[in-house]
Amino acid sequence: MGSEALLHTKFVGKPFVVKAETHGRIDHLDHVKTLYFREDAITVFDQSTGNALERIAVN
């Protein structure tokens, strides 16, 4: 069973929380400055409804 860390950041200028696998350790996340995601490997949820969003428009 793995563990998870919550990474608090900003996305398009707004607060954004990323849930990341830690595999039992979190020190490898200490100096994260940039996150990259494959479009097919990320699901974004609406904070107020909890529903998954189909697409994110980045302007």
PDB file of N, CA and C in Angstrom:
ATOM      1  N   MET A   1       0.850  -1.169   0.000  1.00  0.00           N
ATOM      2  CA  MET A   1       0.000   0.000   0.000  1.00  0.00           C
ATOM      3  C   MET A   1       0.899   1.236   0.000  1.00  0.00           C
ATOM      4  N   GLY A   2       0.645   2.138  -0.918  1.00  0.00           N
ATOM      5  CA  GLY A   2       1.439   3.360  -1.015  1.00  0.00           C
ATOM      6  C   GLY A   2       0.839   4.474  -0.177  1.00  0.00           C
ATOM      7  N   SER A   3       1.574   5.540  -0.081  1.00  0.00           N
ATOM      8  CA  SER A   3       1.067   6.716   0.616  1.00  0.00           C
ATOM      9  C   SER A   3       1.053   7.881  -0.362  1.00  0.00           C
ATOM     10  N   GLU A   4       0.408   8.958   0.036  1.00  0.00           N
ATOM     11  CA  GLU A   4       0.236  10.103  -0.840  1.00  0.00           C
ATOM     12  C   GLU A   4       0.620  11.389  -0.124  1.00  0.00           C
ATOM     13  N   ALA A   5       1.039  12.361  -0.915  1.00  0.00           N
ATOM     14  CA  ALA A   5       1.333  13.703  -0.400  1.00  0.00           C
ATOM     15  C   ALA A   5       0.484  14.690  -1.181  1.00  0.00           C
ATOM     16  N   LEU A   6       0.077  15.768  -0.522  1.00  0.00           N
ATOM     17  CA  LEU A   6      -0.651  16.833  -1.190  1.00  0.00           C
ATOM     18  C   LEU A   6       0.320  17.966  -1.477  1.00  0.00           C
ATOM     19  N   LEU A   7       0.481  18.292  -2.768  1.00  0.00           N
ATOM     20  CA  LEU A   7       1.363  19.376  -3.172  1.00  0.00           C
ATOM     21  C   LEU A   7       0.498  20.586  -3.478  1.00  0.00           C
ATOM     22  N   HIS A   8       0.670  21.652  -2.723  1.00  0.00           N
ATOM     23  CA  HIS A   8      -0.112  22.877  -2.908  1.00  0.00           C
ATOM     24  C   HIS A   8       0.658  23.804  -3.839  1.00  0.00           C
ATOM     25  N   THR A   9       0.013  24.186  -4.926  1.00  0.00           N
ATOM     26  CA  THR A   9       0.660  25.013  -5.934  1.00  0.00           C
ATOM     27  C   THR A   9      -0.363  25.954  -6.553  1.00  0.00           C
ATOM     28  N   LYS A  10      -0.023  26.559  -7.678  1.00  0.00           N
ATOM     29  CA  LYS A  10      -0.969  27.394  -8.424  1.00  0.00           C
ATOM     30  C   LYS A  10      -1.003  26.909  -9.858  1.00  0.00           C
ATOM     31  N   PHE A  11      -2.175  26.975 -10.461  1.00  0.00           N
ATOM     32  CA  PHE A  11      -2.375  26.594 -11.852  1.00  0.00           C
ATOM     33  C   PHE A  11      -3.168  27.715 -12.505  1.00  0.00           C
ATOM     34  N   VAL A  12      -2.596  28.330 -13.507  1.00  0.00           N
ATOM     35  CA  VAL A  12      -3.199  29.493 -14.162  1.00  0.00           C
ATOM     36  C   VAL A  12      -3.543  30.553 -13.119  1.00  0.00           C
ATOM     37  N   GLY A  13      -2.634  30.728 -12.136  1.00  0.00           N
ATOM     38  CA  GLY A  13      -2.790  31.765 -11.131  1.00  0.00           C
ATOM     39  C   GLY A  13      -3.747  31.452  -9.992  1.00  0.00           C
ATOM     40  N   LYS A  14      -4.326  30.271  -9.976  1.00  0.00           N
ATOM     41  CA  LYS A  14      -5.280  29.912  -8.920  1.00  0.00           C
ATOM     42  C   LYS A  14      -4.749  28.737  -8.108  1.00  0.00           C
ATOM     43  N   PRO A  15      -5.128  28.669  -6.806  1.00  0.00           N
ATOM     44  CA  PRO A  15      -4.674  27.551  -5.973  1.00  0.00           C
ATOM     45  C   PRO A  15      -5.054  26.209  -6.587  1.00  0.00           C
ATOM     46  N   PHE A  16      -4.127  25.264  -6.499  1.00  0.00           N
ATOM     47  CA  PHE A  16      -4.303  23.949  -7.115  1.00  0.00           C
ATOM     48  C   PHE A  16      -3.596  22.930  -6.229  1.00  0.00           C
ATOM     49  N   VAL A  17      -4.251  21.835  -5.911  1.00  0.00           N
ATOM     50  CA  VAL A  17      -3.663  20.796  -5.058  1.00  0.00           C
ATOM     51  C   VAL A  17      -3.465  19.536  -5.890  1.00  0.00           C
ATOM     52  N   VAL A  18      -2.261  18.985  -5.824  1.00  0.00           N
ATOM     53  CA  VAL A  18      -1.917  17.768  -6.553  1.00  0.00           C
ATOM     54  C   VAL A  18      -1.710  16.655  -5.540  1.00  0.00           C
ATOM     55  N   LYS A  19      -2.375  15.534  -5.754  1.00  0.00           N
ATOM     56  CA  LYS A  19      -2.165  14.359  -4.907  1.00  0.00           C
ATOM     57  C   LYS A  19      -1.127  13.486  -5.605  1.00  0.00           C
ATOM     58  N   ALA A  20       0.023  13.278  -4.956  1.00  0.00           N
ATOM     59  CA  ALA A  20       1.135  12.554  -5.569  1.00  0.00           C
ATOM     60  C   ALA A  20       1.480  11.312  -4.756  1.00  0.00           C
ATOM     61  N   GLU A  21       1.803  10.239  -5.460  1.00  0.00           N
ATOM     62  CA  GLU A  21       2.269   9.020  -4.802  1.00  0.00           C
ATOM     63  C   GLU A  21       3.640   9.265  -4.182  1.00  0.00           C
ATOM     64  N   THR A  22       3.859   8.782  -2.985  1.00  0.00           N
ATOM     65  CA  THR A  22       5.147   8.978  -2.324  1.00  0.00           C
ATOM     66  C   THR A  22       5.930   7.683  -2.175  1.00  0.00           C
ATOM     67  N   HIS A  23       5.287   6.551  -2.303  1.00  0.00           N
ATOM     68  CA  HIS A  23       5.940   5.255  -2.126  1.00  0.00           C
ATOM     69  C   HIS A  23       6.632   5.178  -0.768  1.00  0.00           C
ATOM     70  N   GLY A  24       5.975   5.769   0.259  1.00  0.00           N
ATOM     71  CA  GLY A  24       6.475   5.685   1.620  1.00  0.00           C
ATOM     72  C   GLY A  24       7.440   6.781   2.033  1.00  0.00           C
ATOM     73  N   ARG A  25       7.978   7.529   1.072  1.00  0.00           N
ATOM     74  CA  ARG A  25       8.924   8.597   1.391  1.00  0.00           C
ATOM     75  C   ARG A  25       8.446   9.871   0.715  1.00  0.00           C
ATOM     76  N   ILE A  26       8.729  11.016   1.319  1.00  0.00           N
ATOM     77  CA  ILE A  26       8.341  12.275   0.693  1.00  0.00           C
ATOM     78  C   ILE A  26       9.517  13.219   0.461  1.00  0.00           C
ATOM     79  N   ASP A  27      10.706  12.821   0.889  1.00  0.00           N
ATOM     80  CA  ASP A  27      11.844  13.732   0.746  1.00  0.00           C
ATOM     81  C   ASP A  27      12.178  14.025  -0.713  1.00  0.00           C
ATOM     82  N   HIS A  28      11.809  13.143  -1.635  1.00  0.00           N
ATOM     83  CA  HIS A  28      12.073  13.412  -3.053  1.00  0.00           C
ATOM     84  C   HIS A  28      11.160  14.513  -3.597  1.00  0.00           C
ATOM     85  N   LEU A  29      10.163  14.947  -2.820  1.00  0.00           N
ATOM     86  CA  LEU A  29       9.267  16.029  -3.232  1.00  0.00           C
ATOM     87  C   LEU A  29       9.662  17.381  -2.632  1.00  0.00           C
ATOM     88  N   ASP A  30      10.714  17.418  -1.821  1.00  0.00           N
ATOM     89  CA  ASP A  30      11.109  18.634  -1.103  1.00  0.00           C
ATOM     90  C   ASP A  30      11.386  19.831  -2.005  1.00  0.00           C
ATOM     91  N   HIS A  31      11.996  19.607  -3.133  1.00  0.00           N
ATOM     92  CA  HIS A  31      12.449  20.728  -3.957  1.00  0.00           C
ATOM     93  C   HIS A  31      11.752  20.770  -5.318  1.00  0.00           C
ATOM     94  N   VAL A  32      10.536  20.266  -5.387  1.00  0.00           N
ATOM     95  CA  VAL A  32       9.788  20.292  -6.644  1.00  0.00           C
ATOM     96  C   VAL A  32       9.441  21.738  -6.983  1.00  0.00           C
ATOM     97  N   LYS A  33       9.789  22.155  -8.199  1.00  0.00           N
ATOM     98  CA  LYS A  33       9.485  23.513  -8.640  1.00  0.00           C
ATOM     99  C   LYS A  33       8.557  23.519  -9.845  1.00  0.00           C
ATOM    100  N   THR A  34       8.567  22.441 -10.625  1.00  0.00           N
ATOM    101  CA  THR A  34       7.751  22.363 -11.828  1.00  0.00           C
ATOM    102  C   THR A  34       7.125  20.979 -11.914  1.00  0.00           C
ATOM    103  N   LEU A  35       5.855  20.948 -12.272  1.00  0.00           N
ATOM    104  CA  LEU A  35       5.144  19.681 -12.453  1.00  0.00           C
ATOM    105  C   LEU A  35       4.743  19.549 -13.914  1.00  0.00           C
ATOM    106  N   TYR A  36       4.940  18.378 -14.473  1.00  0.00           N
ATOM    107  CA  TYR A  36       4.525  18.077 -15.840  1.00  0.00           C
ATOM    108  C   TYR A  36       3.579  16.888 -15.786  1.00  0.00           C
ATOM    109  N   PHE A  37       2.509  16.961 -16.558  1.00  0.00           N
ATOM    110  CA  PHE A  37       1.531  15.885 -16.578  1.00  0.00           C
ATOM    111  C   PHE A  37       1.222  15.479 -18.009  1.00  0.00           C
ATOM    112  N   ARG A  38       1.142  14.185 -18.244  1.00  0.00           N
ATOM    113  CA  ARG A  38       0.579  13.708 -19.503  1.00  0.00           C
ATOM    114  C   ARG A  38      -0.922  13.911 -19.434  1.00  0.00           C
ATOM    115  N   GLU A  39      -1.519  14.354 -20.494  1.00  0.00           N
ATOM    116  CA  GLU A  39      -2.954  14.642 -20.499  1.00  0.00           C
ATOM    117  C   GLU A  39      -3.776  13.408 -20.114  1.00  0.00           C
ATOM    118  N   ASP A  40      -3.315  12.214 -20.493  1.00  0.00           N
ATOM    119  CA  ASP A  40      -4.063  10.998 -20.188  1.00  0.00           C
ATOM    120  C   ASP A  40      -3.766  10.449 -18.790  1.00  0.00           C
ATOM    121  N   ALA A  41      -2.904  11.140 -18.044  1.00  0.00           N
ATOM    122  CA  ALA A  41      -2.508  10.642 -16.729  1.00  0.00           C
ATOM    123  C   ALA A  41      -2.948  11.547 -15.591  1.00  0.00           C
ATOM    124  N   ILE A  42      -3.847  12.483 -15.867  1.00  0.00           N
ATOM    125  CA  ILE A  42      -4.285  13.405 -14.822  1.00  0.00           C
ATOM    126  C   ILE A  42      -5.804  13.536 -14.870  1.00  0.00           C
ATOM    127  N   THR A  43      -6.392  13.595 -13.703  1.00  0.00           N
ATOM    128  CA  THR A  43      -7.815  13.872 -13.576  1.00  0.00           C
ATOM    129  C   THR A  43      -7.962  15.073 -12.656  1.00  0.00           C
ATOM    130  N   VAL A  44      -8.704  16.064 -13.100  1.00  0.00           N
ATOM    131  CA  VAL A  44      -8.918  17.271 -12.312  1.00  0.00           C
ATOM    132  C   VAL A  44     -10.364  17.280 -11.846  1.00  0.00           C
ATOM    133  N   PHE A  45     -10.568  17.570 -10.561  1.00  0.00           N
ATOM    134  CA  PHE A  45     -11.898  17.563  -9.967  1.00  0.00           C
ATOM    135  C   PHE A  45     -12.325  18.976  -9.599  1.00  0.00           C
ATOM    136  N   ASP A  46     -13.591  19.261  -9.803  1.00  0.00           N
ATOM    137  CA  ASP A  46     -14.170  20.536  -9.403  1.00  0.00           C
ATOM    138  C   ASP A  46     -14.296  20.549  -7.886  1.00  0.00           C
ATOM    139  N   GLN A  47     -13.768  21.582  -7.246  1.00  0.00           N
ATOM    140  CA  GLN A  47     -13.766  21.655  -5.778  1.00  0.00           C
ATOM    141  C   GLN A  47     -15.175  21.681  -5.200  1.00  0.00           C
ATOM    142  N   SER A  48     -16.082  22.406  -5.829  1.00  0.00           N
ATOM    143  CA  SER A  48     -17.414  22.565  -5.245  1.00  0.00           C
ATOM    144  C   SER A  48     -18.312  21.349  -5.462  1.00  0.00           C
ATOM    145  N   THR A  49     -18.151  20.650  -6.599  1.00  0.00           N
ATOM    146  CA  THR A  49     -19.033  19.509  -6.869  1.00  0.00           C
ATOM    147  C   THR A  49     -18.366  18.168  -6.645  1.00  0.00           C
ATOM    148  N   GLY A  50     -17.049  18.138  -6.725  1.00  0.00           N
ATOM    149  CA  GLY A  50     -16.334  16.869  -6.621  1.00  0.00           C
ATOM    150  C   GLY A  50     -16.337  16.077  -7.916  1.00  0.00           C
ATOM    151  N   ASN A  51     -16.951  16.618  -8.969  1.00  0.00           N
ATOM    152  CA  ASN A  51     -17.011  15.937 -10.255  1.00  0.00           C
ATOM    153  C   ASN A  51     -15.714  16.120 -11.031  1.00  0.00           C
ATOM    154  N   ALA A  52     -15.344  15.088 -11.787  1.00  0.00           N
ATOM    155  CA  ALA A  52     -14.173  15.182 -12.655  1.00  0.00           C
ATOM    156  C   ALA A  52     -14.492  16.106 -13.823  1.00  0.00           C
ATOM    157  N   LEU A  53     -13.516  16.942 -14.187  1.00  0.00           N
ATOM    158  CA  LEU A  53     -13.665  17.830 -15.335  1.00  0.00           C
ATOM    159  C   LEU A  53     -13.180  17.114 -16.581  1.00  0.00           C
ATOM    160  N   GLU A  54     -13.883  17.311 -17.685  1.00  0.00           N
ATOM    161  CA  GLU A  54     -13.481  16.654 -18.927  1.00  0.00           C
ATOM    162  C   GLU A  54     -12.223  17.269 -19.514  1.00  0.00           C
ATOM    163  N   ARG A  55     -12.167  18.582 -19.607  1.00  0.00           N
ATOM    164  CA  ARG A  55     -11.011  19.273 -20.178  1.00  0.00           C
ATOM    165  C   ARG A  55     -10.748  20.531 -19.383  1.00  0.00           C
ATOM    166  N   ILE A  56      -9.506  20.953 -19.360  1.00  0.00           N
ATOM    167  CA  ILE A  56      -9.130  22.196 -18.695  1.00  0.00           C
ATOM    168  C   ILE A  56      -8.684  23.170 -19.770  1.00  0.00           C
ATOM    169  N   ALA A  57      -9.304  24.315 -19.812  1.00  0.00           N
ATOM    170  CA  ALA A  57      -8.880  25.358 -20.749  1.00  0.00           C
ATOM    171  C   ALA A  57      -7.802  26.202 -20.089  1.00  0.00           C
ATOM    172  N   VAL A  58      -6.641  26.258 -20.686  1.00  0.00           N
ATOM    173  CA  VAL A  58      -5.548  27.056 -20.163  1.00  0.00           C
ATOM    174  C   VAL A  58      -5.386  28.265 -21.067  1.00  0.00           C
ATOM    175  N   ASN A  59      -5.595  29.433 -20.489  1.00  0.00           N
ATOM    176  CA  ASN A  59      -5.481  30.669 -21.278  1.00  0.00           C
ATOM    177  C   ASN A  59      -4.225  31.413 -20.908  1.00  0.00           C
TER     178      ASN A  59
END
